[in-house]
Amino acid sequence: MARTMHVSEGTVKAHLGSIMSKWQVRDRVQVLVTAARAGLVEFT
């Protein structure tokens, strides 16, 4: 993900931590589920 976005791995981790805090979820799986429910990502 970091390579695709042209940022460091630490930056990705920091953003994920911020999202997890704001959405009050405890792990990356819950971030993905919450994003999918909000229509931010789609599974094909």
PDB file of N, CA and C in Angstrom:
ATOM      1  N   MET A   1       0.827  -1.191   0.000  1.00  0.00           N
ATOM      2  CA  MET A   1       0.000   0.000   0.000  1.00  0.00           C
ATOM      3  C   MET A   1       0.870   1.253   0.000  1.00  0.00           C
ATOM      4  N   ALA A   2       1.887   1.241   0.832  1.00  0.00           N
ATOM      5  CA  ALA A   2       2.760   2.413   0.920  1.00  0.00           C
ATOM      6  C   ALA A   2       3.419   2.712  -0.417  1.00  0.00           C
ATOM      7  N   ARG A   3       3.887   1.669  -1.079  1.00  0.00           N
ATOM      8  CA  ARG A   3       4.552   1.860  -2.370  1.00  0.00           C
ATOM      9  C   ARG A   3       3.581   2.440  -3.390  1.00  0.00           C
ATOM     10  N   THR A   4       2.362   1.915  -3.411  1.00  0.00           N
ATOM     11  CA  THR A   4       1.345   2.394  -4.352  1.00  0.00           C
ATOM     12  C   THR A   4       1.019   3.862  -4.112  1.00  0.00           C
ATOM     13  N   MET A   5       0.977   4.256  -2.845  1.00  0.00           N
ATOM     14  CA  MET A   5       0.628   5.631  -2.494  1.00  0.00           C
ATOM     15  C   MET A   5       1.848   6.560  -2.472  1.00  0.00           C
ATOM     16  N   HIS A   6       3.042   6.006  -2.671  1.00  0.00           N
ATOM     17  CA  HIS A   6       4.291   6.770  -2.653  1.00  0.00           C
ATOM     18  C   HIS A   6       4.520   7.465  -1.309  1.00  0.00           C
ATOM     19  N   VAL A   7       4.260   6.720  -0.238  1.00  0.00           N
ATOM     20  CA  VAL A   7       4.518   7.201   1.122  1.00  0.00           C
ATOM     21  C   VAL A   7       5.253   6.099   1.870  1.00  0.00           C
ATOM     22  N   SER A   8       5.718   6.406   3.062  1.00  0.00           N
ATOM     23  CA  SER A   8       6.427   5.403   3.848  1.00  0.00           C
ATOM     24  C   SER A   8       5.440   4.460   4.536  1.00  0.00           C
ATOM     25  N   GLU A   9       5.950   3.306   4.927  1.00  0.00           N
ATOM     26  CA  GLU A   9       5.137   2.339   5.666  1.00  0.00           C
ATOM     27  C   GLU A   9       4.647   2.951   6.981  1.00  0.00           C
ATOM     28  N   GLY A  10       5.487   3.747   7.605  1.00  0.00           N
ATOM     29  CA  GLY A  10       5.104   4.415   8.851  1.00  0.00           C
ATOM     30  C   GLY A  10       3.928   5.360   8.659  1.00  0.00           C
ATOM     31  N   THR A  11       3.888   6.033   7.513  1.00  0.00           N
ATOM     32  CA  THR A  11       2.781   6.938   7.218  1.00  0.00           C
ATOM     33  C   THR A  11       1.473   6.152   7.089  1.00  0.00           C
ATOM     34  N   VAL A  12       1.530   5.023   6.411  1.00  0.00           N
ATOM     35  CA  VAL A  12       0.337   4.176   6.268  1.00  0.00           C
ATOM     36  C   VAL A  12      -0.131   3.709   7.642  1.00  0.00           C
ATOM     37  N   LYS A  13       0.797   3.270   8.471  1.00  0.00           N
ATOM     38  CA  LYS A  13       0.441   2.805   9.816  1.00  0.00           C
ATOM     39  C   LYS A  13      -0.172   3.929  10.643  1.00  0.00           C
ATOM     40  N   ALA A  14       0.366   5.125  10.502  1.00  0.00           N
ATOM     41  CA  ALA A  14      -0.164   6.270  11.249  1.00  0.00           C
ATOM     42  C   ALA A  14      -1.590   6.587  10.808  1.00  0.00           C
ATOM     43  N   HIS A  15      -1.829   6.554   9.501  1.00  0.00           N
ATOM     44  CA  HIS A  15      -3.176   6.829   9.000  1.00  0.00           C
ATOM     45  C   HIS A  15      -4.155   5.746   9.435  1.00  0.00           C
ATOM     46  N   LEU A  16      -3.721   4.490   9.380  1.00  0.00           N
ATOM     47  CA  LEU A  16      -4.584   3.403   9.840  1.00  0.00           C
ATOM     48  C   LEU A  16      -4.915   3.556  11.327  1.00  0.00           C
ATOM     49  N   GLY A  17      -3.926   3.937  12.110  1.00  0.00           N
ATOM     50  CA  GLY A  17      -4.161   4.162  13.537  1.00  0.00           C
ATOM     51  C   GLY A  17      -5.162   5.272  13.771  1.00  0.00           C
ATOM     52  N   SER A  18      -5.064   6.330  12.983  1.00  0.00           N
ATOM     53  CA  SER A  18      -5.996   7.445  13.102  1.00  0.00           C
ATOM     54  C   SER A  18      -7.414   7.009  12.737  1.00  0.00           C
ATOM     55  N   ILE A  19      -7.539   6.255  11.653  1.00  0.00           N
ATOM     56  CA  ILE A  19      -8.849   5.750  11.228  1.00  0.00           C
ATOM     57  C   ILE A  19      -9.426   4.836  12.301  1.00  0.00           C
ATOM     58  N   MET A  20      -8.590   3.940  12.837  1.00  0.00           N
ATOM     59  CA  MET A  20      -9.067   3.008  13.858  1.00  0.00           C
ATOM     60  C   MET A  20      -9.573   3.754  15.089  1.00  0.00           C
ATOM     61  N   SER A  21      -8.881   4.805  15.455  1.00  0.00           N
ATOM     62  CA  SER A  21      -9.294   5.600  16.610  1.00  0.00           C
ATOM     63  C   SER A  21     -10.613   6.324  16.339  1.00  0.00           C
ATOM     64  N   LYS A  22     -10.709   6.970  15.191  1.00  0.00           N
ATOM     65  CA  LYS A  22     -11.913   7.731  14.860  1.00  0.00           C
ATOM     66  C   LYS A  22     -13.137   6.838  14.705  1.00  0.00           C
ATOM     67  N   TRP A  23     -12.940   5.661  14.104  1.00  0.00           N
ATOM     68  CA  TRP A  23     -14.055   4.743  13.875  1.00  0.00           C
ATOM     69  C   TRP A  23     -14.283   3.812  15.059  1.00  0.00           C
ATOM     70  N   GLN A  24     -13.437   3.907  16.071  1.00  0.00           N
ATOM     71  CA  GLN A  24     -13.516   3.090  17.279  1.00  0.00           C
ATOM     72  C   GLN A  24     -13.558   1.597  16.947  1.00  0.00           C
ATOM     73  N   VAL A  25     -12.594   1.176  16.137  1.00  0.00           N
ATOM     74  CA  VAL A  25     -12.435  -0.237  15.811  1.00  0.00           C
ATOM     75  C   VAL A  25     -11.084  -0.692  16.336  1.00  0.00           C
ATOM     76  N   ARG A  26     -10.906  -2.006  16.511  1.00  0.00           N
ATOM     77  CA  ARG A  26      -9.695  -2.493  17.171  1.00  0.00           C
ATOM     78  C   ARG A  26      -8.660  -3.112  16.239  1.00  0.00           C
ATOM     79  N   ASP A  27      -9.036  -3.393  14.979  1.00  0.00           N
ATOM     80  CA  ASP A  27      -8.059  -3.976  14.070  1.00  0.00           C
ATOM     81  C   ASP A  27      -8.375  -3.625  12.619  1.00  0.00           C
ATOM     82  N   ARG A  28      -7.448  -3.990  11.717  1.00  0.00           N
ATOM     83  CA  ARG A  28      -7.582  -3.635  10.307  1.00  0.00           C
ATOM     84  C   ARG A  28      -8.766  -4.327   9.638  1.00  0.00           C
ATOM     85  N   VAL A  29      -9.115  -5.498  10.117  1.00  0.00           N
ATOM     86  CA  VAL A  29     -10.276  -6.195   9.551  1.00  0.00           C
ATOM     87  C   VAL A  29     -11.538  -5.374   9.805  1.00  0.00           C
ATOM     88  N   GLN A  30     -11.669  -4.852  10.998  1.00  0.00           N
ATOM     89  CA  GLN A  30     -12.831  -4.028  11.315  1.00  0.00           C
ATOM     90  C   GLN A  30     -12.820  -2.726  10.522  1.00  0.00           C
ATOM     91  N   VAL A  31     -11.652  -2.193  10.235  1.00  0.00           N
ATOM     92  CA  VAL A  31     -11.556  -1.008   9.373  1.00  0.00           C
ATOM     93  C   VAL A  31     -12.141  -1.345   8.007  1.00  0.00           C
ATOM     94  N   LEU A  32     -11.744  -2.481   7.461  1.00  0.00           N
ATOM     95  CA  LEU A  32     -12.219  -2.889   6.148  1.00  0.00           C
ATOM     96  C   LEU A  32     -13.728  -3.132   6.142  1.00  0.00           C
ATOM     97  N   VAL A  33     -14.231  -3.803   7.157  1.00  0.00           N
ATOM     98  CA  VAL A  33     -15.677  -4.062   7.251  1.00  0.00           C
ATOM     99  C   VAL A  33     -16.444  -2.747   7.357  1.00  0.00           C
ATOM    100  N   THR A  34     -15.975  -1.844   8.193  1.00  0.00           N
ATOM    101  CA  THR A  34     -16.637  -0.553   8.369  1.00  0.00           C
ATOM    102  C   THR A  34     -16.605   0.253   7.076  1.00  0.00           C
ATOM    103  N   ALA A  35     -15.474   0.245   6.386  1.00  0.00           N
ATOM    104  CA  ALA A  35     -15.359   0.963   5.116  1.00  0.00           C
ATOM    105  C   ALA A  35     -16.297   0.371   4.071  1.00  0.00           C
ATOM    106  N   ALA A  36     -16.416  -0.950   4.042  1.00  0.00           N
ATOM    107  CA  ALA A  36     -17.313  -1.605   3.084  1.00  0.00           C
ATOM    108  C   ALA A  36     -18.769  -1.245   3.376  1.00  0.00           C
ATOM    109  N   ARG A  37     -19.134  -1.261   4.628  1.00  0.00           N
ATOM    110  CA  ARG A  37     -20.512  -0.900   5.005  1.00  0.00           C
ATOM    111  C   ARG A  37     -20.830   0.551   4.660  1.00  0.00           C
ATOM    112  N   ALA A  38     -19.814   1.398   4.697  1.00  0.00           N
ATOM    113  CA  ALA A  38     -20.002   2.819   4.366  1.00  0.00           C
ATOM    114  C   ALA A  38     -19.948   3.071   2.861  1.00  0.00           C
ATOM    115  N   GLY A  39     -19.655   2.015   2.098  1.00  0.00           N
ATOM    116  CA  GLY A  39     -19.579   2.167   0.644  1.00  0.00           C
ATOM    117  C   GLY A  39     -18.263   2.732   0.153  1.00  0.00           C
ATOM    118  N   LEU A  40     -17.237   2.704   0.997  1.00  0.00           N
ATOM    119  CA  LEU A  40     -15.936   3.255   0.631  1.00  0.00           C
ATOM    120  C   LEU A  40     -15.084   2.268  -0.160  1.00  0.00           C
ATOM    121  N   VAL A  41     -15.353   0.982   0.022  1.00  0.00           N
ATOM    122  CA  VAL A  41     -14.661  -0.070  -0.733  1.00  0.00           C
ATOM    123  C   VAL A  41     -15.704  -1.068  -1.205  1.00  0.00           C
ATOM    124  N   GLU A  42     -15.343  -1.800  -2.235  1.00  0.00           N
ATOM    125  CA  GLU A  42     -16.266  -2.780  -2.802  1.00  0.00           C
ATOM    126  C   GLU A  42     -15.514  -4.072  -3.079  1.00  0.00           C
ATOM    127  N   PHE A  43     -16.133  -5.185  -2.777  1.00  0.00           N
ATOM    128  CA  PHE A  43     -15.534  -6.497  -3.030  1.00  0.00           C
ATOM    129  C   PHE A  43     -16.120  -7.068  -4.313  1.00  0.00           C
ATOM    130  N   THR A  44     -15.251  -7.608  -5.147  1.00  0.00           N
ATOM    131  CA  THR A  44     -15.732  -8.212  -6.393  1.00  0.00           C
ATOM    132  C   THR A  44     -15.341  -9.656  -6.472  1.00  0.00           C
TER     133      THR A  44
END
